Amino acid sequence: QVQLVESGGGLVQAGDSLRLSCAASGRTFSDYAMAWFRQAPGKEREFVARITRSGSSTRYANSVKGRFTVSRDNAKNTVYLQMNSLKPEDTAVYYCAASQFITTADGRYDYWGQGTQVTVSS
C-alpha cells in the first residue's frame, strides 16, 4: 500500500503561482511513477502531468505545458507540482497518484490522494 497526502492548494488570483506537494508513505516511493490529475466541477477527471521513477522524464497535458512543472524528491518521498501563470480554468481538485506504469491513463494508477482544492479567481 502507498498512502498519498496532497497539500498546498488554495485560493489565488489569475496569474499567480502555487506549489502543490504530495507526500507518500508505505512502500518504496522510488518504485512508482507519479502523476497529477485534476477534476473540475461537472467535468471528468483529467491528466495534468506525470514523472518517471527517477524523475528523468516528464509529460504534460497541452493545457498546462509551459506553465506547470512536475518534480520529485525521492529522498523526501514527495512529488511536487509547480503551477505558474494560473488561469480560472485551472480551478479544480488536484490529485496525486502512484503507478507501477509510466502512463497518463488514470485507470493504471493504483494509489490516490484525497485531493487538494485549487481555486483561481479572475
PDB file of N, CA and C in Angstrom:
ATOM      1  N   GLN A   1       0.828  -1.197   0.000  1.00  0.00           N
ATOM      2  CA  GLN A   1       0.000   0.000   0.000  1.00  0.00           C
ATOM      3  C   GLN A   1       0.865   1.251   0.000  1.00  0.00           C
ATOM      4  N   VAL A   2       0.378   2.253  -0.667  1.00  0.00           N
ATOM      5  CA  VAL A   2       1.020   3.568  -0.685  1.00  0.00           C
ATOM      6  C   VAL A   2      -0.024   4.575  -0.237  1.00  0.00           C
ATOM      7  N   GLN A   3       0.327   5.371   0.744  1.00  0.00           N
ATOM      8  CA  GLN A   3      -0.553   6.436   1.187  1.00  0.00           C
ATOM      9  C   GLN A   3      -0.035   7.757   0.629  1.00  0.00           C
ATOM     10  N   LEU A   4      -0.953   8.556   0.093  1.00  0.00           N
ATOM     11  CA  LEU A   4      -0.584   9.827  -0.525  1.00  0.00           C
ATOM     12  C   LEU A   4      -1.392  10.950   0.106  1.00  0.00           C
ATOM     13  N   VAL A   5      -0.712  12.029   0.450  1.00  0.00           N
ATOM     14  CA  VAL A   5      -1.380  13.173   1.062  1.00  0.00           C
ATOM     15  C   VAL A   5      -0.938  14.444   0.348  1.00  0.00           C
ATOM     16  N   GLU A   6      -1.892  15.106  -0.305  1.00  0.00           N
ATOM     17  CA  GLU A   6      -1.615  16.354  -1.011  1.00  0.00           C
ATOM     18  C   GLU A   6      -1.752  17.545  -0.074  1.00  0.00           C
ATOM     19  N   SER A   7      -1.048  18.601  -0.415  1.00  0.00           N
ATOM     20  CA  SER A   7      -1.157  19.860   0.308  1.00  0.00           C
ATOM     21  C   SER A   7      -0.757  20.992  -0.625  1.00  0.00           C
ATOM     22  N   GLY A   8      -1.070  22.219  -0.217  1.00  0.00           N
ATOM     23  CA  GLY A   8      -0.619  23.379  -0.963  1.00  0.00           C
ATOM     24  C   GLY A   8      -1.679  24.084  -1.788  1.00  0.00           C
ATOM     25  N   GLY A   9      -2.875  23.525  -1.824  1.00  0.00           N
ATOM     26  CA  GLY A   9      -3.935  24.185  -2.578  1.00  0.00           C
ATOM     27  C   GLY A   9      -4.392  25.462  -1.903  1.00  0.00           C
ATOM     28  N   GLY A  10      -5.246  26.198  -2.614  1.00  0.00           N
ATOM     29  CA  GLY A  10      -5.761  27.425  -2.036  1.00  0.00           C
ATOM     30  C   GLY A  10      -6.469  28.275  -3.062  1.00  0.00           C
ATOM     31  N   LEU A  11      -6.801  29.494  -2.646  1.00  0.00           N
ATOM     32  CA  LEU A  11      -7.474  30.470  -3.499  1.00  0.00           C
ATOM     33  C   LEU A  11      -6.457  31.516  -3.927  1.00  0.00           C
ATOM     34  N   VAL A  12      -6.287  31.663  -5.233  1.00  0.00           N
ATOM     35  CA  VAL A  12      -5.351  32.642  -5.767  1.00  0.00           C
ATOM     36  C   VAL A  12      -6.013  33.412  -6.900  1.00  0.00           C
ATOM     37  N   GLN A  13      -5.335  34.457  -7.346  1.00  0.00           N
ATOM     38  CA  GLN A  13      -5.833  35.227  -8.475  1.00  0.00           C
ATOM     39  C   GLN A  13      -5.171  34.759  -9.766  1.00  0.00           C
ATOM     40  N   ALA A  14      -5.808  35.043 -10.860  1.00  0.00           N
ATOM     41  CA  ALA A  14      -5.236  34.707 -12.162  1.00  0.00           C
ATOM     42  C   ALA A  14      -3.846  35.331 -12.294  1.00  0.00           C
ATOM     43  N   GLY A  15      -2.920  34.539 -12.796  1.00  0.00           N
ATOM     44  CA  GLY A  15      -1.547  34.986 -12.942  1.00  0.00           C
ATOM     45  C   GLY A  15      -0.636  34.612 -11.791  1.00  0.00           C
ATOM     46  N   ASP A  16      -1.233  34.219 -10.672  1.00  0.00           N
ATOM     47  CA  ASP A  16      -0.443  33.832  -9.508  1.00  0.00           C
ATOM     48  C   ASP A  16       0.140  32.428  -9.675  1.00  0.00           C
ATOM     49  N   SER A  17       0.936  32.041  -8.678  1.00  0.00           N
ATOM     50  CA  SER A  17       1.564  30.716  -8.663  1.00  0.00           C
ATOM     51  C   SER A  17       1.194  29.970  -7.393  1.00  0.00           C
ATOM     52  N   LEU A  18       1.228  28.650  -7.478  1.00  0.00           N
ATOM     53  CA  LEU A  18       1.061  27.767  -6.333  1.00  0.00           C
ATOM     54  C   LEU A  18       1.975  26.572  -6.525  1.00  0.00           C
ATOM     55  N   ARG A  19       2.412  25.997  -5.412  1.00  0.00           N
ATOM     56  CA  ARG A  19       3.129  24.736  -5.481  1.00  0.00           C
ATOM     57  C   ARG A  19       2.398  23.698  -4.651  1.00  0.00           C
ATOM     58  N   LEU A  20       1.975  22.645  -5.307  1.00  0.00           N
ATOM     59  CA  LEU A  20       1.353  21.520  -4.623  1.00  0.00           C
ATOM     60  C   LEU A  20       2.417  20.495  -4.236  1.00  0.00           C
ATOM     61  N   SER A  21       2.192  19.879  -3.110  1.00  0.00           N
ATOM     62  CA  SER A  21       3.071  18.795  -2.658  1.00  0.00           C
ATOM     63  C   SER A  21       2.239  17.545  -2.426  1.00  0.00           C
ATOM     64  N   CYS A  22       2.870  16.415  -2.589  1.00  0.00           N
ATOM     65  CA  CYS A  22       2.212  15.135  -2.322  1.00  0.00           C
ATOM     66  C   CYS A  22       3.222  14.261  -1.587  1.00  0.00           C
ATOM     67  N   ALA A  23       2.949  14.002  -0.334  1.00  0.00           N
ATOM     68  CA  ALA A  23       3.842  13.198   0.494  1.00  0.00           C
ATOM     69  C   ALA A  23       3.389  11.745   0.486  1.00  0.00           C
ATOM     70  N   ALA A  24       4.314  10.848   0.232  1.00  0.00           N
ATOM     71  CA  ALA A  24       3.998   9.427   0.149  1.00  0.00           C
ATOM     72  C   ALA A  24       4.575   8.667   1.338  1.00  0.00           C
ATOM     73  N   SER A  25       3.876   7.623   1.716  1.00  0.00           N
ATOM     74  CA  SER A  25       4.367   6.727   2.755  1.00  0.00           C
ATOM     75  C   SER A  25       3.911   5.318   2.416  1.00  0.00           C
ATOM     76  N   GLY A  26       4.557   4.359   3.046  1.00  0.00           N
ATOM     77  CA  GLY A  26       4.215   2.972   2.772  1.00  0.00           C
ATOM     78  C   GLY A  26       5.339   2.313   2.006  1.00  0.00           C
ATOM     79  N   ARG A  27       5.040   1.857   0.826  1.00  0.00           N
ATOM     80  CA  ARG A  27       6.044   1.168   0.022  1.00  0.00           C
ATOM     81  C   ARG A  27       7.077   2.144  -0.530  1.00  0.00           C
ATOM     82  N   THR A  28       8.104   1.599  -1.139  1.00  0.00           N
ATOM     83  CA  THR A  28       9.225   2.397  -1.626  1.00  0.00           C
ATOM     84  C   THR A  28       8.760   3.386  -2.688  1.00  0.00           C
ATOM     85  N   PHE A  29       8.894   4.657  -2.373  1.00  0.00           N
ATOM     86  CA  PHE A  29       8.391   5.723  -3.238  1.00  0.00           C
ATOM     87  C   PHE A  29       9.021   5.662  -4.622  1.00  0.00           C
ATOM     88  N   SER A  30      10.304   5.404  -4.686  1.00  0.00           N
ATOM     89  CA  SER A  30      11.014   5.425  -5.966  1.00  0.00           C
ATOM     90  C   SER A  30      10.649   4.245  -6.867  1.00  0.00           C
ATOM     91  N   ASP A  31       9.834   3.337  -6.394  1.00  0.00           N
ATOM     92  CA  ASP A  31       9.355   2.230  -7.227  1.00  0.00           C
ATOM     93  C   ASP A  31       8.187   2.646  -8.112  1.00  0.00           C
ATOM     94  N   TYR A  32       7.661   3.855  -7.903  1.00  0.00           N
ATOM     95  CA  TYR A  32       6.433   4.269  -8.562  1.00  0.00           C
ATOM     96  C   TYR A  32       6.618   5.508  -9.424  1.00  0.00           C
ATOM     97  N   ALA A  33       6.033   5.452 -10.616  1.00  0.00           N
ATOM     98  CA  ALA A  33       5.827   6.674 -11.371  1.00  0.00           C
ATOM     99  C   ALA A  33       4.704   7.450 -10.682  1.00  0.00           C
ATOM    100  N   MET A  34       4.786   8.752 -10.777  1.00  0.00           N
ATOM    101  CA  MET A  34       3.811   9.599 -10.105  1.00  0.00           C
ATOM    102  C   MET A  34       3.149  10.528 -11.114  1.00  0.00           C
ATOM    103  N   ALA A  35       1.940  10.927 -10.791  1.00  0.00           N
ATOM    104  CA  ALA A  35       1.209  11.816 -11.692  1.00  0.00           C
ATOM    105  C   ALA A  35       0.297  12.736 -10.895  1.00  0.00           C
ATOM    106  N   TRP A  36      -0.087  13.801 -11.551  1.00  0.00           N
ATOM    107  CA  TRP A  36      -1.117  14.702 -11.045  1.00  0.00           C
ATOM    108  C   TRP A  36      -2.296  14.670 -12.025  1.00  0.00           C
ATOM    109  N   PHE A  37      -3.475  14.601 -11.450  1.00  0.00           N
ATOM    110  CA  PHE A  37      -4.716  14.708 -12.196  1.00  0.00           C
ATOM    111  C   PHE A  37      -5.537  15.812 -11.549  1.00  0.00           C
ATOM    112  N   ARG A  38      -6.563  16.245 -12.249  1.00  0.00           N
ATOM    113  CA  ARG A  38      -7.456  17.234 -11.667  1.00  0.00           C
ATOM    114  C   ARG A  38      -8.883  16.985 -12.120  1.00  0.00           C
ATOM    115  N   GLN A  39      -9.813  17.447 -11.312  1.00  0.00           N
ATOM    116  CA  GLN A  39     -11.221  17.324 -11.648  1.00  0.00           C
ATOM    117  C   GLN A  39     -11.939  18.604 -11.274  1.00  0.00           C
ATOM    118  N   ALA A  40     -12.500  19.231 -12.296  1.00  0.00           N
ATOM    119  CA  ALA A  40     -13.286  20.444 -12.103  1.00  0.00           C
ATOM    120  C   ALA A  40     -14.749  20.059 -11.892  1.00  0.00           C
ATOM    121  N   PRO A  41     -15.525  20.933 -11.267  1.00  0.00           N
ATOM    122  CA  PRO A  41     -16.937  20.622 -11.038  1.00  0.00           C
ATOM    123  C   PRO A  41     -17.665  20.306 -12.338  1.00  0.00           C
ATOM    124  N   GLY A  42     -18.369  19.201 -12.347  1.00  0.00           N
ATOM    125  CA  GLY A  42     -19.148  18.826 -13.514  1.00  0.00           C
ATOM    126  C   GLY A  42     -18.341  18.253 -14.665  1.00  0.00           C
ATOM    127  N   LYS A  43     -17.061  18.060 -14.443  1.00  0.00           N
ATOM    128  CA  LYS A  43     -16.216  17.531 -15.512  1.00  0.00           C
ATOM    129  C   LYS A  43     -15.545  16.237 -15.071  1.00  0.00           C
ATOM    130  N   GLU A  44     -15.069  15.479 -16.050  1.00  0.00           N
ATOM    131  CA  GLU A  44     -14.362  14.262 -15.740  1.00  0.00           C
ATOM    132  C   GLU A  44     -12.943  14.592 -15.263  1.00  0.00           C
ATOM    133  N   ARG A  45     -12.384  13.654 -14.529  1.00  0.00           N
ATOM    134  CA  ARG A  45     -11.002  13.807 -14.099  1.00  0.00           C
ATOM    135  C   ARG A  45     -10.080  13.782 -15.319  1.00  0.00           C
ATOM    136  N   GLU A  46      -9.065  14.650 -15.314  1.00  0.00           N
ATOM    137  CA  GLU A  46      -8.156  14.724 -16.452  1.00  0.00           C
ATOM    138  C   GLU A  46      -6.701  14.694 -15.999  1.00  0.00           C
ATOM    139  N   PHE A  47      -5.882  14.158 -16.882  1.00  0.00           N
ATOM    140  CA  PHE A  47      -4.455  14.093 -16.649  1.00  0.00           C
ATOM    141  C   PHE A  47      -3.840  15.491 -16.692  1.00  0.00           C
ATOM    142  N   VAL A  48      -2.892  15.757 -15.800  1.00  0.00           N
ATOM    143  CA  VAL A  48      -2.191  17.033 -15.782  1.00  0.00           C
ATOM    144  C   VAL A  48      -0.708  16.852 -16.100  1.00  0.00           C
ATOM    145  N   ALA A  49      -0.035  15.977 -15.337  1.00  0.00           N
ATOM    146  CA  ALA A  49       1.405  15.787 -15.515  1.00  0.00           C
ATOM    147  C   ALA A  49       1.815  14.466 -14.895  1.00  0.00           C
ATOM    148  N   ARG A  50       2.889  13.896 -15.427  1.00  0.00           N
ATOM    149  CA  ARG A  50       3.430  12.683 -14.813  1.00  0.00           C
ATOM    150  C   ARG A  50       4.944  12.716 -14.871  1.00  0.00           C
ATOM    151  N   ILE A  51       5.555  11.940 -13.960  1.00  0.00           N
ATOM    152  CA  ILE A  51       7.009  11.904 -13.858  1.00  0.00           C
ATOM    153  C   ILE A  51       7.434  10.467 -13.598  1.00  0.00           C
ATOM    154  N   THR A  52       8.535  10.081 -14.189  1.00  0.00           N
ATOM    155  CA  THR A  52       9.033   8.714 -14.040  1.00  0.00           C
ATOM    156  C   THR A  52       9.651   8.491 -12.661  1.00  0.00           C
ATOM    157  N   ARG A  53      10.003   7.259 -12.382  1.00  0.00           N
ATOM    158  CA  ARG A  53      10.503   6.884 -11.062  1.00  0.00           C
ATOM    159  C   ARG A  53      11.731   7.687 -10.649  1.00  0.00           C
ATOM    160  N   SER A  54      12.622   7.902 -11.603  1.00  0.00           N
ATOM    161  CA  SER A  54      13.858   8.623 -11.291  1.00  0.00           C
ATOM    162  C   SER A  54      13.708  10.127 -11.421  1.00  0.00           C
ATOM    163  N   GLY A  55      12.628  10.536 -12.068  1.00  0.00           N
ATOM    164  CA  GLY A  55      12.433  11.958 -12.339  1.00  0.00           C
ATOM    165  C   GLY A  55      13.078  12.419 -13.631  1.00  0.00           C
ATOM    166  N   SER A  56      13.591  11.493 -14.416  1.00  0.00           N
ATOM    167  CA  SER A  56      14.328  11.865 -15.615  1.00  0.00           C
ATOM    168  C   SER A  56      13.419  12.255 -16.775  1.00  0.00           C
ATOM    169  N   SER A  57      12.164  11.873 -16.710  1.00  0.00           N
ATOM    170  CA  SER A  57      11.241  12.155 -17.805  1.00  0.00           C
ATOM    171  C   SER A  57       9.906  12.641 -17.262  1.00  0.00           C
ATOM    172  N   THR A  58       9.369  13.635 -17.924  1.00  0.00           N
ATOM    173  CA  THR A  58       8.068  14.180 -17.545  1.00  0.00           C
ATOM    174  C   THR A  58       7.187  14.328 -18.788  1.00  0.00           C
ATOM    175  N   ARG A  59       5.901  14.458 -18.528  1.00  0.00           N
ATOM    176  CA  ARG A  59       4.954  14.678 -19.620  1.00  0.00           C
ATOM    177  C   ARG A  59       3.813  15.524 -19.076  1.00  0.00           C
ATOM    178  N   TYR A  60       3.275  16.388 -19.942  1.00  0.00           N
ATOM    179  CA  TYR A  60       2.244  17.321 -19.506  1.00  0.00           C
ATOM    180  C   TYR A  60       1.062  17.321 -20.458  1.00  0.00           C
ATOM    181  N   ALA A  61      -0.094  17.666 -19.906  1.00  0.00           N
ATOM    182  CA  ALA A  61      -1.252  17.946 -20.743  1.00  0.00           C
ATOM    183  C   ALA A  61      -0.978  19.231 -21.505  1.00  0.00           C
ATOM    184  N   ASN A  62      -1.516  19.325 -22.707  1.00  0.00           N
ATOM    185  CA  ASN A  62      -1.282  20.523 -23.523  1.00  0.00           C
ATOM    186  C   ASN A  62      -1.770  21.789 -22.814  1.00  0.00           C
ATOM    187  N   SER A  63      -2.810  21.651 -22.033  1.00  0.00           N
ATOM    188  CA  SER A  63      -3.407  22.821 -21.386  1.00  0.00           C
ATOM    189  C   SER A  63      -2.497  23.438 -20.316  1.00  0.00           C
ATOM    190  N   VAL A  64      -1.516  22.689 -19.831  1.00  0.00           N
ATOM    191  CA  VAL A  64      -0.645  23.212 -18.771  1.00  0.00           C
ATOM    192  C   VAL A  64       0.814  23.304 -19.195  1.00  0.00           C
ATOM    193  N   LYS A  65       1.121  22.819 -20.372  1.00  0.00           N
ATOM    194  CA  LYS A  65       2.506  22.798 -20.834  1.00  0.00           C
ATOM    195  C   LYS A  65       3.078  24.208 -20.865  1.00  0.00           C
ATOM    196  N   GLY A  66       4.263  24.355 -20.312  1.00  0.00           N
ATOM    197  CA  GLY A  66       4.909  25.659 -20.261  1.00  0.00           C
ATOM    198  C   GLY A  66       4.554  26.473 -19.030  1.00  0.00           C
ATOM    199  N   ARG A  67       3.520  26.047 -18.302  1.00  0.00           N
ATOM    200  CA  ARG A  67       3.116  26.767 -17.085  1.00  0.00           C
ATOM    201  C   ARG A  67       3.325  25.928 -15.826  1.00  0.00           C
ATOM    202  N   PHE A  68       3.147  24.619 -15.935  1.00  0.00           N
ATOM    203  CA  PHE A  68       3.268  23.718 -14.785  1.00  0.00           C
ATOM    204  C   PHE A  68       4.551  22.903 -14.903  1.00  0.00           C
ATOM    205  N   THR A  69       5.132  22.575 -13.768  1.00  0.00           N
ATOM    206  CA  THR A  69       6.316  21.732 -13.713  1.00  0.00           C
ATOM    207  C   THR A  69       6.154  20.688 -12.616  1.00  0.00           C
ATOM    208  N   VAL A  70       6.312  19.435 -12.996  1.00  0.00           N
ATOM    209  CA  VAL A  70       6.256  18.342 -12.020  1.00  0.00           C
ATOM    210  C   VAL A  70       7.684  17.928 -11.681  1.00  0.00           C
ATOM    211  N   SER A  71       7.920  17.653 -10.421  1.00  0.00           N
ATOM    212  CA  SER A  71       9.235  17.210  -9.970  1.00  0.00           C
ATOM    213  C   SER A  71       9.048  16.281  -8.771  1.00  0.00           C
ATOM    214  N   ARG A  72      10.107  15.610  -8.399  1.00  0.00           N
ATOM    215  CA  ARG A  72      10.026  14.714  -7.242  1.00  0.00           C
ATOM    216  C   ARG A  72      11.347  14.710  -6.501  1.00  0.00           C
ATOM    217  N   ASP A  73      11.254  14.418  -5.209  1.00  0.00           N
ATOM    218  CA  ASP A  73      12.427  14.264  -4.364  1.00  0.00           C
ATOM    219  C   ASP A  73      12.289  12.893  -3.709  1.00  0.00           C
ATOM    220  N   ASN A  74      12.976  11.917  -4.225  1.00  0.00           N
ATOM    221  CA  ASN A  74      12.826  10.559  -3.711  1.00  0.00           C
ATOM    222  C   ASN A  74      13.364  10.417  -2.290  1.00  0.00           C
ATOM    223  N   ALA A  75      14.291  11.280  -1.913  1.00  0.00           N
ATOM    224  CA  ALA A  75      14.808  11.238  -0.545  1.00  0.00           C
ATOM    225  C   ALA A  75      13.749  11.706   0.455  1.00  0.00           C
ATOM    226  N   LYS A  76      12.840  12.555  -0.014  1.00  0.00           N
ATOM    227  CA  LYS A  76      11.780  13.074   0.847  1.00  0.00           C
ATOM    228  C   LYS A  76      10.435  12.406   0.582  1.00  0.00           C
ATOM    229  N   ASN A  77      10.414  11.444  -0.331  1.00  0.00           N
ATOM    230  CA  ASN A  77       9.162  10.746  -0.677  1.00  0.00           C
ATOM    231  C   ASN A  77       8.052  11.725  -1.055  1.00  0.00           C
ATOM    232  N   THR A  78       8.413  12.700  -1.859  1.00  0.00           N
ATOM    233  CA  THR A  78       7.472  13.764  -2.190  1.00  0.00           C
ATOM    234  C   THR A  78       7.527  14.098  -3.678  1.00  0.00           C
ATOM    235  N   VAL A  79       6.368  14.340  -4.236  1.00  0.00           N
ATOM    236  CA  VAL A  79       6.255  14.837  -5.606  1.00  0.00           C
ATOM    237  C   VAL A  79       5.601  16.213  -5.546  1.00  0.00           C
ATOM    238  N   TYR A  80       6.009  17.078  -6.456  1.00  0.00           N
ATOM    239  CA  TYR A  80       5.553  18.464  -6.457  1.00  0.00           C
ATOM    240  C   TYR A  80       4.912  18.811  -7.796  1.00  0.00           C
ATOM    241  N   LEU A  81       4.063  19.822  -7.747  1.00  0.00           N
ATOM    242  CA  LEU A  81       3.521  20.414  -8.965  1.00  0.00           C
ATOM    243  C   LEU A  81       3.607  21.923  -8.807  1.00  0.00           C
ATOM    244  N   GLN A  82       4.557  22.517  -9.503  1.00  0.00           N
ATOM    245  CA  GLN A  82       4.683  23.965  -9.514  1.00  0.00           C
ATOM    246  C   GLN A  82       3.773  24.515 -10.596  1.00  0.00           C
ATOM    247  N   MET A  83       2.856  25.380 -10.204  1.00  0.00           N
ATOM    248  CA  MET A  83       1.868  25.920 -11.131  1.00  0.00           C
ATOM    249  C   MET A  83       2.060  27.422 -11.230  1.00  0.00           C
ATOM    250  N   ASN A  84       2.431  27.878 -12.402  1.00  0.00           N
ATOM    251  CA  ASN A  84       2.627  29.306 -12.654  1.00  0.00           C
ATOM    252  C   ASN A  84       1.585  29.818 -13.625  1.00  0.00           C
ATOM    253  N   SER A  85       1.441  31.131 -13.656  1.00  0.00           N
ATOM    254  CA  SER A  85       0.505  31.776 -14.590  1.00  0.00           C
ATOM    255  C   SER A  85      -0.861  31.105 -14.552  1.00  0.00           C
ATOM    256  N   LEU A  86      -1.372  30.931 -13.351  1.00  0.00           N
ATOM    257  CA  LEU A  86      -2.639  30.219 -13.183  1.00  0.00           C
ATOM    258  C   LEU A  86      -3.789  30.963 -13.848  1.00  0.00           C
ATOM    259  N   LYS A  87      -4.727  30.178 -14.368  1.00  0.00           N
ATOM    260  CA  LYS A  87      -5.897  30.699 -15.056  1.00  0.00           C
ATOM    261  C   LYS A  87      -7.157  30.218 -14.336  1.00  0.00           C
ATOM    262  N   PRO A  88      -8.256  30.912 -14.487  1.00  0.00           N
ATOM    263  CA  PRO A  88      -9.512  30.445 -13.868  1.00  0.00           C
ATOM    264  C   PRO A  88      -9.875  29.015 -14.279  1.00  0.00           C
ATOM    265  N   GLU A  89      -9.541  28.632 -15.490  1.00  0.00           N
ATOM    266  CA  GLU A  89      -9.856  27.275 -15.945  1.00  0.00           C
ATOM    267  C   GLU A  89      -8.987  26.208 -15.300  1.00  0.00           C
ATOM    268  N   ASP A  90      -7.996  26.617 -14.515  1.00  0.00           N
ATOM    269  CA  ASP A  90      -7.211  25.647 -13.738  1.00  0.00           C
ATOM    270  C   ASP A  90      -7.908  25.273 -12.424  1.00  0.00           C
ATOM    271  N   THR A  91      -9.003  25.934 -12.122  1.00  0.00           N
ATOM    272  CA  THR A  91      -9.747  25.633 -10.906  1.00  0.00           C
ATOM    273  C   THR A  91     -10.234  24.194 -10.920  1.00  0.00           C
ATOM    274  N   ALA A  92      -9.862  23.453  -9.876  1.00  0.00           N
ATOM    275  CA  ALA A  92     -10.204  22.031  -9.792  1.00  0.00           C
ATOM    276  C   ALA A  92      -9.685  21.468  -8.475  1.00  0.00           C
ATOM    277  N   VAL A  93     -10.095  20.246  -8.194  1.00  0.00           N
ATOM    278  CA  VAL A  93      -9.446  19.463  -7.149  1.00  0.00           C
ATOM    279  C   VAL A  93      -8.297  18.715  -7.802  1.00  0.00           C
ATOM    280  N   TYR A  94      -7.118  18.853  -7.225  1.00  0.00           N
ATOM    281  CA  TYR A  94      -5.926  18.228  -7.778  1.00  0.00           C
ATOM    282  C   TYR A  94      -5.564  16.999  -6.939  1.00  0.00           C
ATOM    283  N   TYR A  95      -5.307  15.908  -7.657  1.00  0.00           N
ATOM    284  CA  TYR A  95      -4.978  14.643  -7.023  1.00  0.00           C
ATOM    285  C   TYR A  95      -3.604  14.170  -7.480  1.00  0.00           C
ATOM    286  N   CYS A  96      -2.835  13.623  -6.550  1.00  0.00           N
ATOM    287  CA  CYS A  96      -1.634  12.910  -6.965  1.00  0.00           C
ATOM    288  C   CYS A  96      -1.931  11.417  -6.951  1.00  0.00           C
ATOM    289  N   ALA A  97      -1.197  10.686  -7.755  1.00  0.00           N
ATOM    290  CA  ALA A  97      -1.434   9.260  -7.901  1.00  0.00           C
ATOM    291  C   ALA A  97      -0.127   8.539  -8.184  1.00  0.00           C
ATOM    292  N   ALA A  98      -0.092   7.265  -7.817  1.00  0.00           N
ATOM    293  CA  ALA A  98       1.106   6.451  -7.990  1.00  0.00           C
ATOM    294  C   ALA A  98       0.783   5.221  -8.826  1.00  0.00           C
ATOM    295  N   SER A  99       1.725   4.875  -9.704  1.00  0.00           N
ATOM    296  CA  SER A  99       1.536   3.724 -10.567  1.00  0.00           C
ATOM    297  C   SER A  99       2.859   3.011 -10.794  1.00  0.00           C
ATOM    298  N   GLN A 100       2.767   1.718 -11.047  1.00  0.00           N
ATOM    299  CA  GLN A 100       3.965   0.981 -11.455  1.00  0.00           C
ATOM    300  C   GLN A 100       4.204   1.127 -12.947  1.00  0.00           C
ATOM    301  N   PHE A 101       3.300   1.805 -13.640  1.00  0.00           N
ATOM    302  CA  PHE A 101       3.414   2.017 -15.069  1.00  0.00           C
ATOM    303  C   PHE A 101       3.657   3.491 -15.368  1.00  0.00           C
ATOM    304  N   ILE A 102       4.369   3.755 -16.437  1.00  0.00           N
ATOM    305  CA  ILE A 102       4.572   5.128 -16.905  1.00  0.00           C
ATOM    306  C   ILE A 102       3.467   5.410 -17.900  1.00  0.00           C
ATOM    307  N   THR A 103       2.460   6.129 -17.467  1.00  0.00           N
ATOM    308  CA  THR A 103       1.242   6.268 -18.252  1.00  0.00           C
ATOM    309  C   THR A 103       0.509   7.542 -17.870  1.00  0.00           C
ATOM    310  N   THR A 104      -0.353   7.993 -18.794  1.00  0.00           N
ATOM    311  CA  THR A 104      -1.231   9.123 -18.492  1.00  0.00           C
ATOM    312  C   THR A 104      -2.660   8.655 -18.212  1.00  0.00           C
ATOM    313  N   ALA A 105      -2.878   7.362 -18.283  1.00  0.00           N
ATOM    314  CA  ALA A 105      -4.216   6.811 -18.094  1.00  0.00           C
ATOM    315  C   ALA A 105      -4.524   6.646 -16.608  1.00  0.00           C
ATOM    316  N   ASP A 106      -5.583   7.316 -16.150  1.00  0.00           N
ATOM    317  CA  ASP A 106      -5.851   7.273 -14.716  1.00  0.00           C
ATOM    318  C   ASP A 106      -6.214   5.871 -14.235  1.00  0.00           C
ATOM    319  N   GLY A 107      -6.722   5.054 -15.130  1.00  0.00           N
ATOM    320  CA  GLY A 107      -7.069   3.691 -14.735  1.00  0.00           C
ATOM    321  C   GLY A 107      -5.876   2.825 -14.371  1.00  0.00           C
ATOM    322  N   ARG A 108      -4.691   3.248 -14.728  1.00  0.00           N
ATOM    323  CA  ARG A 108      -3.476   2.477 -14.440  1.00  0.00           C
ATOM    324  C   ARG A 108      -2.816   2.922 -13.139  1.00  0.00           C
ATOM    325  N   TYR A 109      -3.397   3.891 -12.475  1.00  0.00           N
ATOM    326  CA  TYR A 109      -2.851   4.367 -11.208  1.00  0.00           C
ATOM    327  C   TYR A 109      -3.573   3.661 -10.066  1.00  0.00           C
ATOM    328  N   ASP A 110      -2.788   3.061  -9.195  1.00  0.00           N
ATOM    329  CA  ASP A 110      -3.349   2.225  -8.141  1.00  0.00           C
ATOM    330  C   ASP A 110      -3.635   2.978  -6.849  1.00  0.00           C
ATOM    331  N   TYR A 111      -2.883   4.037  -6.623  1.00  0.00           N
ATOM    332  CA  TYR A 111      -2.998   4.742  -5.346  1.00  0.00           C
ATOM    333  C   TYR A 111      -3.256   6.215  -5.608  1.00  0.00           C
ATOM    334  N   TRP A 112      -4.154   6.781  -4.798  1.00  0.00           N
ATOM    335  CA  TRP A 112      -4.591   8.157  -4.983  1.00  0.00           C
ATOM    336  C   TRP A 112      -4.617   8.874  -3.641  1.00  0.00           C
ATOM    337  N   GLY A 113      -4.314  10.180  -3.687  1.00  0.00           N
ATOM    338  CA  GLY A 113      -4.500  11.011  -2.520  1.00  0.00           C
ATOM    339  C   GLY A 113      -5.940  11.473  -2.425  1.00  0.00           C
ATOM    340  N   GLN A 114      -6.213  12.258  -1.393  1.00  0.00           N
ATOM    341  CA  GLN A 114      -7.582  12.715  -1.147  1.00  0.00           C
ATOM    342  C   GLN A 114      -7.919  13.966  -1.935  1.00  0.00           C
ATOM    343  N   GLY A 115      -6.908  14.609  -2.493  1.00  0.00           N
ATOM    344  CA  GLY A 115      -7.128  15.792  -3.307  1.00  0.00           C
ATOM    345  C   GLY A 115      -6.944  17.081  -2.529  1.00  0.00           C
ATOM    346  N   THR A 116      -6.583  18.121  -3.256  1.00  0.00           N
ATOM    347  CA  THR A 116      -6.461  19.461  -2.684  1.00  0.00           C
ATOM    348  C   THR A 116      -7.095  20.453  -3.649  1.00  0.00           C
ATOM    349  N   GLN A 117      -7.883  21.367  -3.119  1.00  0.00           N
ATOM    350  CA  GLN A 117      -8.643  22.304  -3.952  1.00  0.00           C
ATOM    351  C   GLN A 117      -7.763  23.471  -4.382  1.00  0.00           C
ATOM    352  N   VAL A 118      -7.810  23.761  -5.657  1.00  0.00           N
ATOM    353  CA  VAL A 118      -7.176  24.954  -6.214  1.00  0.00           C
ATOM    354  C   VAL A 118      -8.271  25.793  -6.870  1.00  0.00           C
ATOM    355  N   THR A 119      -8.376  27.025  -6.439  1.00  0.00           N
ATOM    356  CA  THR A 119      -9.370  27.936  -7.000  1.00  0.00           C
ATOM    357  C   THR A 119      -8.654  29.187  -7.494  1.00  0.00           C
ATOM    358  N   VAL A 120      -8.873  29.508  -8.763  1.00  0.00           N
ATOM    359  CA  VAL A 120      -8.237  30.665  -9.384  1.00  0.00           C
ATOM    360  C   VAL A 120      -9.326  31.662  -9.756  1.00  0.00           C
ATOM    361  N   SER A 121      -9.271  32.819  -9.167  1.00  0.00           N
ATOM    362  CA  SER A 121     -10.265  33.852  -9.464  1.00  0.00           C
ATOM    363  C   SER A 121      -9.766  34.763 -10.565  1.00  0.00           C
ATOM    364  N   SER A 122     -10.716  35.301 -11.314  1.00  0.00           N
ATOM    365  CA  SER A 122     -10.348  36.169 -12.454  1.00  0.00           C
ATOM    366  C   SER A 122     -10.232  37.619 -12.023  1.00  0.00           C
TER     367      SER A 122
END
